[in-house]
């Protein structure tokens, strides 16, 4: 918690995999995927929480891609 009403987080991940050749894949075709996320949450009311998260993901390999995603959430509890 940053303050009683505001929270924050950060995380990172990394994954390395290699195809096995089963089901028509090319054996030994490596792929690495990594990413980072950061987010904030705000307790707007006792029953309403708002959140905002940014995630960056990158996959390296033959089918590589880069993704930037922003997610906004509103959570109500009764």
N, C-alpha and C. Protein backbone atom coordinates (compact mmCIF):
# COMPACT_ATOMS: atom_id res chain seq x y z
N UNK A 1 0.84 -1.19 0.00
CA UNK A 1 0.00 0.00 0.00
C UNK A 1 0.88 1.24 0.00
N UNK A 2 0.58 2.16 -0.87
CA UNK A 2 1.29 3.44 -0.93
C UNK A 2 0.69 4.38 0.11
N UNK A 3 -0.62 4.44 0.16
CA UNK A 3 -1.38 5.16 1.18
C UNK A 3 -2.53 4.24 1.57
N UNK A 4 -3.35 4.62 2.55
CA UNK A 4 -4.49 3.75 2.88
C UNK A 4 -5.48 3.55 1.72
N UNK A 5 -5.50 4.47 0.75
CA UNK A 5 -6.44 4.35 -0.36
C UNK A 5 -5.79 3.92 -1.68
N UNK A 6 -4.48 4.00 -1.78
CA UNK A 6 -3.78 3.71 -3.04
C UNK A 6 -2.82 2.54 -2.84
N UNK A 7 -2.87 1.59 -3.78
CA UNK A 7 -1.94 0.46 -3.79
C UNK A 7 -1.19 0.42 -5.11
N UNK A 8 -0.04 -0.23 -5.12
CA UNK A 8 0.77 -0.33 -6.34
C UNK A 8 1.45 -1.69 -6.38
N UNK A 9 1.76 -2.15 -7.59
CA UNK A 9 2.51 -3.40 -7.73
C UNK A 9 3.35 -3.35 -9.01
N UNK A 10 4.34 -4.19 -9.06
CA UNK A 10 5.17 -4.39 -10.26
C UNK A 10 5.57 -5.86 -10.29
N UNK A 11 5.66 -6.43 -11.49
CA UNK A 11 6.09 -7.82 -11.62
C UNK A 11 6.76 -8.01 -12.97
N UNK A 12 7.51 -9.10 -13.07
CA UNK A 12 8.21 -9.44 -14.31
C UNK A 12 8.18 -10.96 -14.48
N UNK A 13 8.27 -11.42 -15.73
CA UNK A 13 8.34 -12.86 -15.98
C UNK A 13 9.22 -13.13 -17.18
N UNK A 14 9.72 -14.36 -17.26
CA UNK A 14 10.52 -14.83 -18.39
C UNK A 14 10.25 -16.31 -18.55
N UNK A 15 10.09 -16.75 -19.81
CA UNK A 15 9.84 -18.16 -20.10
C UNK A 15 10.63 -18.55 -21.34
N UNK A 16 11.25 -19.72 -21.32
CA UNK A 16 11.96 -20.24 -22.47
C UNK A 16 11.42 -21.64 -22.77
N UNK A 17 11.05 -21.87 -24.03
CA UNK A 17 10.52 -23.19 -24.39
C UNK A 17 11.06 -23.58 -25.76
N UNK A 18 10.95 -24.87 -26.04
CA UNK A 18 11.45 -25.42 -27.30
C UNK A 18 10.46 -26.47 -27.78
N UNK A 19 10.10 -26.43 -29.06
CA UNK A 19 9.16 -27.40 -29.60
C UNK A 19 9.77 -28.80 -29.60
N UNK A 20 8.90 -29.80 -29.44
CA UNK A 20 9.36 -31.19 -29.35
C UNK A 20 9.29 -31.93 -30.68
N UNK A 21 8.58 -31.38 -31.65
CA UNK A 21 8.40 -32.08 -32.91
C UNK A 21 7.12 -32.90 -32.96
N UNK A 22 6.41 -33.01 -31.85
CA UNK A 22 5.15 -33.74 -31.78
C UNK A 22 4.07 -32.88 -32.45
N UNK A 23 3.15 -33.50 -33.15
CA UNK A 23 2.00 -32.84 -33.79
C UNK A 23 2.44 -31.88 -34.89
N UNK A 24 3.52 -32.18 -35.58
CA UNK A 24 3.90 -31.40 -36.75
C UNK A 24 4.78 -30.20 -36.49
N UNK A 25 5.16 -29.95 -35.27
CA UNK A 25 6.04 -28.82 -34.97
C UNK A 25 7.47 -29.12 -35.41
N UNK A 26 8.28 -28.08 -35.51
CA UNK A 26 9.68 -28.24 -35.87
C UNK A 26 10.47 -28.46 -34.59
N UNK A 27 11.06 -29.63 -34.45
CA UNK A 27 11.80 -29.95 -33.24
C UNK A 27 12.97 -28.98 -33.03
N UNK A 28 13.07 -28.48 -31.81
CA UNK A 28 14.18 -27.62 -31.46
C UNK A 28 13.98 -26.15 -31.77
N UNK A 29 12.79 -25.75 -32.25
CA UNK A 29 12.51 -24.35 -32.56
C UNK A 29 12.30 -23.58 -31.25
N UNK A 30 13.30 -22.82 -30.78
CA UNK A 30 13.19 -22.18 -29.46
C UNK A 30 12.35 -20.89 -29.50
N UNK A 31 11.74 -20.58 -28.39
CA UNK A 31 11.01 -19.33 -28.22
C UNK A 31 11.19 -18.82 -26.80
N UNK A 32 11.49 -17.57 -26.67
CA UNK A 32 11.59 -16.93 -25.36
C UNK A 32 10.51 -15.87 -25.27
N UNK A 33 9.87 -15.81 -24.12
CA UNK A 33 8.85 -14.81 -23.86
C UNK A 33 9.17 -14.12 -22.55
N UNK A 34 9.09 -12.81 -22.53
CA UNK A 34 9.30 -12.06 -21.29
C UNK A 34 8.32 -10.90 -21.23
N UNK A 35 8.13 -10.40 -20.03
CA UNK A 35 7.21 -9.28 -19.89
C UNK A 35 7.32 -8.62 -18.54
N UNK A 36 6.74 -7.44 -18.45
CA UNK A 36 6.69 -6.68 -17.20
C UNK A 36 5.28 -6.11 -17.05
N UNK A 37 4.87 -5.93 -15.81
CA UNK A 37 3.57 -5.33 -15.50
C UNK A 37 3.73 -4.36 -14.35
N UNK A 38 2.91 -3.33 -14.36
CA UNK A 38 2.86 -2.38 -13.25
C UNK A 38 1.42 -1.90 -13.13
N UNK A 39 1.00 -1.64 -11.92
CA UNK A 39 -0.39 -1.22 -11.75
C UNK A 39 -0.61 -0.42 -10.49
N UNK A 40 -1.73 0.28 -10.50
CA UNK A 40 -2.19 1.07 -9.37
C UNK A 40 -3.63 0.70 -9.06
N UNK A 41 -3.99 0.77 -7.80
CA UNK A 41 -5.39 0.60 -7.40
C UNK A 41 -5.77 1.75 -6.47
N UNK A 42 -7.04 2.10 -6.52
CA UNK A 42 -7.55 3.20 -5.70
C UNK A 42 -8.87 2.78 -5.08
N UNK A 43 -8.98 2.89 -3.77
CA UNK A 43 -10.22 2.55 -3.07
C UNK A 43 -11.09 3.80 -3.06
N UNK A 44 -11.93 3.95 -4.11
CA UNK A 44 -12.73 5.16 -4.28
C UNK A 44 -13.80 5.29 -3.19
N UNK A 45 -14.46 4.20 -2.90
CA UNK A 45 -15.46 4.13 -1.84
C UNK A 45 -15.23 2.85 -1.07
N UNK A 46 -15.89 2.69 0.06
CA UNK A 46 -15.69 1.46 0.84
C UNK A 46 -16.02 0.23 0.02
N UNK A 47 -16.96 0.35 -0.93
CA UNK A 47 -17.42 -0.79 -1.72
C UNK A 47 -16.92 -0.77 -3.17
N UNK A 48 -16.16 0.28 -3.56
CA UNK A 48 -15.73 0.42 -4.96
C UNK A 48 -14.22 0.62 -5.05
N UNK A 49 -13.57 -0.27 -5.78
CA UNK A 49 -12.13 -0.19 -6.02
C UNK A 49 -11.88 -0.01 -7.52
N UNK A 50 -10.98 0.90 -7.87
CA UNK A 50 -10.62 1.15 -9.27
C UNK A 50 -9.17 0.75 -9.49
N UNK A 51 -8.88 0.22 -10.66
CA UNK A 51 -7.52 -0.23 -10.94
C UNK A 51 -7.09 0.09 -12.36
N UNK A 52 -5.79 0.23 -12.54
CA UNK A 52 -5.21 0.47 -13.85
C UNK A 52 -3.90 -0.33 -13.92
N UNK A 53 -3.77 -1.17 -14.95
CA UNK A 53 -2.58 -2.01 -15.10
C UNK A 53 -2.02 -1.87 -16.51
N UNK A 54 -0.69 -1.77 -16.61
CA UNK A 54 0.02 -1.76 -17.90
C UNK A 54 0.87 -3.02 -17.97
N UNK A 55 0.80 -3.73 -19.10
CA UNK A 55 1.59 -4.94 -19.31
C UNK A 55 2.29 -4.87 -20.67
N UNK A 56 3.58 -5.15 -20.67
CA UNK A 56 4.37 -5.24 -21.91
C UNK A 56 4.86 -6.67 -22.02
N UNK A 57 4.57 -7.33 -23.16
CA UNK A 57 4.99 -8.71 -23.40
C UNK A 57 5.71 -8.77 -24.74
N UNK A 58 6.82 -9.51 -24.77
CA UNK A 58 7.56 -9.71 -26.01
C UNK A 58 7.95 -11.18 -26.13
N UNK A 59 7.66 -11.75 -27.31
CA UNK A 59 8.04 -13.12 -27.61
C UNK A 59 9.06 -13.08 -28.74
N UNK A 60 10.15 -13.80 -28.57
CA UNK A 60 11.21 -13.86 -29.57
C UNK A 60 11.21 -15.26 -30.19
N UNK A 61 11.34 -15.34 -31.48
CA UNK A 61 11.33 -16.62 -32.18
C UNK A 61 10.70 -16.43 -33.54
N UNK A 62 10.42 -17.54 -34.23
CA UNK A 62 9.84 -17.46 -35.57
C UNK A 62 8.49 -16.75 -35.58
N UNK A 63 7.68 -17.00 -34.58
CA UNK A 63 6.35 -16.39 -34.48
C UNK A 63 6.33 -15.29 -33.43
N UNK A 64 7.41 -14.53 -33.32
CA UNK A 64 7.53 -13.52 -32.28
C UNK A 64 6.51 -12.40 -32.39
N UNK A 65 6.25 -11.76 -31.28
CA UNK A 65 5.31 -10.64 -31.24
C UNK A 65 5.65 -9.73 -30.07
N UNK A 66 5.11 -8.53 -30.12
CA UNK A 66 5.20 -7.58 -29.02
C UNK A 66 3.78 -7.11 -28.72
N UNK A 67 3.43 -7.07 -27.44
CA UNK A 67 2.09 -6.63 -27.04
C UNK A 67 2.20 -5.63 -25.90
N UNK A 68 1.49 -4.52 -26.03
CA UNK A 68 1.34 -3.54 -24.96
C UNK A 68 -0.14 -3.50 -24.62
N UNK A 69 -0.46 -3.69 -23.34
CA UNK A 69 -1.86 -3.77 -22.94
C UNK A 69 -2.10 -2.90 -21.70
N UNK A 70 -3.17 -2.13 -21.73
CA UNK A 70 -3.61 -1.36 -20.58
C UNK A 70 -4.99 -1.87 -20.20
N UNK A 71 -5.16 -2.20 -18.91
CA UNK A 71 -6.42 -2.71 -18.43
C UNK A 71 -6.95 -1.83 -17.30
N UNK A 72 -8.17 -1.37 -17.43
CA UNK A 72 -8.84 -0.61 -16.38
C UNK A 72 -9.91 -1.48 -15.77
N UNK A 73 -10.01 -1.48 -14.43
CA UNK A 73 -11.00 -2.31 -13.75
C UNK A 73 -11.77 -1.47 -12.73
N UNK A 74 -12.98 -1.88 -12.49
CA UNK A 74 -13.81 -1.34 -11.42
C UNK A 74 -14.42 -2.54 -10.71
N UNK A 75 -14.18 -2.66 -9.41
CA UNK A 75 -14.67 -3.79 -8.65
C UNK A 75 -15.59 -3.30 -7.54
N UNK A 76 -16.81 -3.78 -7.56
CA UNK A 76 -17.79 -3.42 -6.54
C UNK A 76 -18.07 -4.63 -5.66
N UNK A 77 -18.15 -4.41 -4.37
CA UNK A 77 -18.48 -5.51 -3.46
C UNK A 77 -19.63 -5.07 -2.55
N UNK A 78 -20.59 -5.96 -2.41
CA UNK A 78 -21.78 -5.65 -1.61
C UNK A 78 -21.99 -6.69 -0.55
